[in-house]
Amino acid sequence: MEPVKIAKQMIGFQKTLFNNSFNAMVVVQDQTENMLTGFMGQLPWINEDGKKQINETLALTKKARDEFKKSVDEGYVRFEQMFEQK
């Protein structure tokens, strides 16, 4: 096998591994958010301002998660382009 072909296969494997791990993490985070939202609805001492703050934190977490995924995907695209040039 050619070294470039082996490198492409390794990058493909790592990309698939990352995507599967990332998707599993997203499922866990989303389930945690659902549980937290359910608990907040049942706790009388959490006022609307507290709920708002928690919801903003969850939204920022999702945004950071999406930006991280986008950055990693761009990195894989650059790797693939680098191997295509040779």
N, C-alpha and C. Protein backbone atom coordinates (compact mmCIF):
# COMPACT_ATOMS: atom_id res chain seq x y z
N MET A 1 0.83 -1.19 0.00
CA MET A 1 0.00 0.00 0.00
C MET A 1 0.87 1.25 0.00
N GLU A 2 0.36 2.26 -0.59
CA GLU A 2 1.06 3.52 -0.62
C GLU A 2 0.92 4.24 0.72
N PRO A 3 1.95 4.95 1.12
CA PRO A 3 1.86 5.68 2.39
C PRO A 3 0.73 6.70 2.42
N VAL A 4 0.46 7.34 1.29
CA VAL A 4 -0.62 8.34 1.25
C VAL A 4 -1.97 7.67 1.47
N LYS A 5 -2.15 6.50 0.87
CA LYS A 5 -3.40 5.78 1.03
C LYS A 5 -3.60 5.34 2.48
N ILE A 6 -2.52 4.89 3.10
CA ILE A 6 -2.59 4.49 4.50
C ILE A 6 -2.93 5.69 5.38
N ALA A 7 -2.29 6.82 5.09
CA ALA A 7 -2.56 8.03 5.87
C ALA A 7 -4.02 8.47 5.70
N LYS A 8 -4.55 8.39 4.49
CA LYS A 8 -5.95 8.75 4.25
C LYS A 8 -6.89 7.83 5.03
N GLN A 9 -6.57 6.54 5.06
CA GLN A 9 -7.39 5.60 5.81
C GLN A 9 -7.33 5.89 7.30
N MET A 10 -6.15 6.23 7.80
CA MET A 10 -6.01 6.56 9.22
C MET A 10 -6.81 7.81 9.57
N ILE A 11 -6.74 8.82 8.72
CA ILE A 11 -7.50 10.05 8.95
C ILE A 11 -8.99 9.75 8.90
N GLY A 12 -9.42 8.94 7.95
CA GLY A 12 -10.83 8.56 7.85
C GLY A 12 -11.30 7.83 9.09
N PHE A 13 -10.46 6.92 9.59
CA PHE A 13 -10.80 6.19 10.81
C PHE A 13 -10.92 7.13 12.00
N GLN A 14 -9.95 8.05 12.13
CA GLN A 14 -9.99 9.00 13.24
C GLN A 14 -11.20 9.93 13.14
N LYS A 15 -11.54 10.32 11.93
CA LYS A 15 -12.70 11.19 11.73
C LYS A 15 -13.98 10.46 12.14
N THR A 16 -14.10 9.21 11.73
CA THR A 16 -15.27 8.42 12.11
C THR A 16 -15.33 8.21 13.61
N LEU A 17 -14.20 7.92 14.22
CA LEU A 17 -14.14 7.74 15.67
C LEU A 17 -14.54 9.03 16.39
N PHE A 18 -14.01 10.15 15.92
CA PHE A 18 -14.38 11.43 16.54
C PHE A 18 -15.87 11.69 16.40
N ASN A 19 -16.40 11.51 15.19
CA ASN A 19 -17.83 11.78 14.96
C ASN A 19 -18.72 10.91 15.85
N ASN A 20 -18.38 9.64 15.97
CA ASN A 20 -19.18 8.75 16.82
C ASN A 20 -19.09 9.15 18.29
N SER A 21 -17.89 9.48 18.75
CA SER A 21 -17.71 9.91 20.14
C SER A 21 -18.42 11.23 20.40
N PHE A 22 -18.31 12.14 19.44
CA PHE A 22 -18.96 13.44 19.59
C PHE A 22 -20.47 13.28 19.64
N ASN A 23 -21.01 12.44 18.77
CA ASN A 23 -22.46 12.22 18.77
C ASN A 23 -22.93 11.60 20.08
N ALA A 24 -22.14 10.69 20.64
CA ALA A 24 -22.49 10.11 21.94
C ALA A 24 -22.48 11.17 23.03
N MET A 25 -21.50 12.07 22.98
CA MET A 25 -21.42 13.14 23.95
C MET A 25 -22.62 14.07 23.82
N VAL A 26 -23.04 14.35 22.59
CA VAL A 26 -24.20 15.22 22.36
C VAL A 26 -25.45 14.59 22.96
N VAL A 27 -25.61 13.29 22.79
CA VAL A 27 -26.78 12.61 23.36
C VAL A 27 -26.78 12.73 24.88
N VAL A 28 -25.62 12.51 25.50
CA VAL A 28 -25.52 12.61 26.96
C VAL A 28 -25.83 14.04 27.42
N GLN A 29 -25.26 15.03 26.73
CA GLN A 29 -25.51 16.41 27.12
C GLN A 29 -26.98 16.79 26.95
N ASP A 30 -27.58 16.34 25.87
CA ASP A 30 -28.99 16.66 25.64
C ASP A 30 -29.89 16.00 26.69
N GLN A 31 -29.58 14.76 27.05
CA GLN A 31 -30.36 14.09 28.09
C GLN A 31 -30.19 14.78 29.44
N THR A 32 -28.97 15.21 29.72
CA THR A 32 -28.71 15.94 30.97
C THR A 32 -29.49 17.25 30.99
N GLU A 33 -29.54 17.92 29.86
CA GLU A 33 -30.31 19.16 29.77
C GLU A 33 -31.79 18.90 30.01
N ASN A 34 -32.30 17.82 29.43
CA ASN A 34 -33.71 17.48 29.63
C ASN A 34 -34.01 17.20 31.10
N MET A 35 -33.11 16.46 31.76
CA MET A 35 -33.31 16.17 33.18
C MET A 35 -33.25 17.45 34.01
N LEU A 36 -32.29 18.31 33.72
CA LEU A 36 -32.14 19.56 34.46
C LEU A 36 -33.37 20.44 34.28
N THR A 37 -33.86 20.51 33.07
CA THR A 37 -35.06 21.31 32.80
C THR A 37 -36.26 20.75 33.56
N GLY A 38 -36.38 19.43 33.60
CA GLY A 38 -37.46 18.81 34.37
C GLY A 38 -37.36 19.10 35.85
N PHE A 39 -36.13 19.03 36.40
CA PHE A 39 -35.94 19.33 37.82
C PHE A 39 -36.25 20.79 38.12
N MET A 40 -35.82 21.68 37.23
CA MET A 40 -36.07 23.11 37.47
C MET A 40 -37.57 23.41 37.52
N GLY A 41 -38.34 22.71 36.73
CA GLY A 41 -39.79 22.92 36.74
C GLY A 41 -40.44 22.46 38.02
N GLN A 42 -39.81 21.54 38.73
CA GLN A 42 -40.38 20.99 39.95
C GLN A 42 -39.87 21.67 41.23
N LEU A 43 -38.81 22.44 41.12
CA LEU A 43 -38.24 23.06 42.31
C LEU A 43 -38.79 24.48 42.47
N PRO A 44 -39.53 24.71 43.53
CA PRO A 44 -40.18 26.02 43.69
C PRO A 44 -39.22 27.15 44.03
N TRP A 45 -38.04 26.86 44.57
CA TRP A 45 -37.13 27.92 45.00
C TRP A 45 -36.26 28.45 43.85
N ILE A 46 -36.35 27.85 42.68
CA ILE A 46 -35.64 28.41 41.53
C ILE A 46 -36.58 29.38 40.83
N ASN A 47 -36.23 30.66 40.91
CA ASN A 47 -37.09 31.68 40.32
C ASN A 47 -36.82 31.80 38.81
N GLU A 48 -37.55 32.66 38.17
CA GLU A 48 -37.44 32.82 36.72
C GLU A 48 -36.07 33.32 36.31
N ASP A 49 -35.47 34.20 37.14
CA ASP A 49 -34.14 34.70 36.81
C ASP A 49 -33.11 33.58 36.85
N GLY A 50 -33.23 32.70 37.84
CA GLY A 50 -32.33 31.56 37.92
C GLY A 50 -32.50 30.61 36.74
N LYS A 51 -33.74 30.37 36.36
CA LYS A 51 -34.01 29.52 35.19
C LYS A 51 -33.44 30.14 33.92
N LYS A 52 -33.58 31.47 33.84
CA LYS A 52 -33.06 32.17 32.67
C LYS A 52 -31.54 32.02 32.58
N GLN A 53 -30.86 32.17 33.71
CA GLN A 53 -29.41 32.04 33.74
C GLN A 53 -28.97 30.63 33.35
N ILE A 54 -29.66 29.64 33.86
CA ILE A 54 -29.32 28.25 33.52
C ILE A 54 -29.56 27.99 32.05
N ASN A 55 -30.67 28.49 31.51
CA ASN A 55 -30.96 28.30 30.10
C ASN A 55 -29.93 29.00 29.21
N GLU A 56 -29.46 30.18 29.63
CA GLU A 56 -28.42 30.87 28.87
C GLU A 56 -27.11 30.08 28.90
N THR A 57 -26.80 29.50 30.05
CA THR A 57 -25.60 28.68 30.16
C THR A 57 -25.69 27.46 29.24
N LEU A 58 -26.85 26.83 29.21
CA LEU A 58 -27.04 25.68 28.33
C LEU A 58 -26.91 26.08 26.87
N ALA A 59 -27.45 27.24 26.52
CA ALA A 59 -27.35 27.72 25.13
C ALA A 59 -25.89 28.01 24.76
N LEU A 60 -25.13 28.60 25.69
CA LEU A 60 -23.72 28.87 25.42
C LEU A 60 -22.92 27.57 25.28
N THR A 61 -23.29 26.58 26.08
CA THR A 61 -22.63 25.28 25.99
C THR A 61 -22.88 24.66 24.62
N LYS A 62 -24.11 24.72 24.15
CA LYS A 62 -24.42 24.17 22.82
C LYS A 62 -23.67 24.92 21.73
N LYS A 63 -23.60 26.24 21.86
CA LYS A 63 -22.89 27.04 20.86
C LYS A 63 -21.41 26.67 20.83
N ALA A 64 -20.79 26.55 22.01
CA ALA A 64 -19.38 26.17 22.08
C ALA A 64 -19.16 24.77 21.52
N ARG A 65 -20.09 23.87 21.81
CA ARG A 65 -20.01 22.50 21.29
C ARG A 65 -20.07 22.50 19.77
N ASP A 66 -20.97 23.29 19.21
CA ASP A 66 -21.10 23.35 17.75
C ASP A 66 -19.88 23.99 17.11
N GLU A 67 -19.32 25.02 17.74
CA GLU A 67 -18.12 25.66 17.21
C GLU A 67 -16.93 24.71 17.26
N PHE A 68 -16.83 23.93 18.33
CA PHE A 68 -15.76 22.94 18.43
C PHE A 68 -15.87 21.91 17.31
N LYS A 69 -17.08 21.42 17.09
CA LYS A 69 -17.31 20.43 16.03
C LYS A 69 -16.95 21.02 14.67
N LYS A 70 -17.34 22.26 14.44
CA LYS A 70 -17.04 22.93 13.18
C LYS A 70 -15.52 23.05 12.98
N SER A 71 -14.80 23.41 14.02
CA SER A 71 -13.35 23.54 13.94
C SER A 71 -12.68 22.21 13.63
N VAL A 72 -13.14 21.16 14.28
CA VAL A 72 -12.55 19.84 14.04
C VAL A 72 -12.86 19.38 12.61
N ASP A 73 -14.08 19.61 12.16
CA ASP A 73 -14.44 19.24 10.79
C ASP A 73 -13.59 20.00 9.77
N GLU A 74 -13.34 21.28 10.03
CA GLU A 74 -12.49 22.06 9.14
C GLU A 74 -11.07 21.50 9.12
N GLY A 75 -10.61 21.05 10.27
CA GLY A 75 -9.28 20.44 10.35
C GLY A 75 -9.19 19.17 9.50
N TYR A 76 -10.21 18.35 9.56
CA TYR A 76 -10.22 17.14 8.75
C TYR A 76 -10.28 17.47 7.26
N VAL A 77 -11.03 18.50 6.90
CA VAL A 77 -11.08 18.92 5.50
C VAL A 77 -9.69 19.36 5.04
N ARG A 78 -8.99 20.09 5.88
CA ARG A 78 -7.62 20.53 5.52
C ARG A 78 -6.68 19.34 5.38
N PHE A 79 -6.80 18.37 6.27
CA PHE A 79 -5.99 17.17 6.14
C PHE A 79 -6.26 16.48 4.81
N GLU A 80 -7.53 16.32 4.48
CA GLU A 80 -7.88 15.66 3.23
C GLU A 80 -7.37 16.44 2.02
N GLN A 81 -7.47 17.77 2.08
CA GLN A 81 -6.96 18.59 0.98
C GLN A 81 -5.45 18.45 0.86
N MET A 82 -4.77 18.37 1.99
CA MET A 82 -3.32 18.23 1.97
C MET A 82 -2.90 16.95 1.28
N PHE A 83 -3.63 15.86 1.53
CA PHE A 83 -3.30 14.59 0.90
C PHE A 83 -3.71 14.56 -0.56
N GLU A 84 -4.71 15.33 -0.93
CA GLU A 84 -5.15 15.37 -2.33
C GLU A 84 -4.16 16.12 -3.21
N GLN A 85 -3.42 17.06 -2.62
CA GLN A 85 -2.47 17.85 -3.38
C GLN A 85 -1.25 17.05 -3.80
N LYS A 86 -0.94 16.03 -3.06
CA LYS A 86 0.28 15.27 -3.35
C LYS A 86 0.08 14.19 -4.36
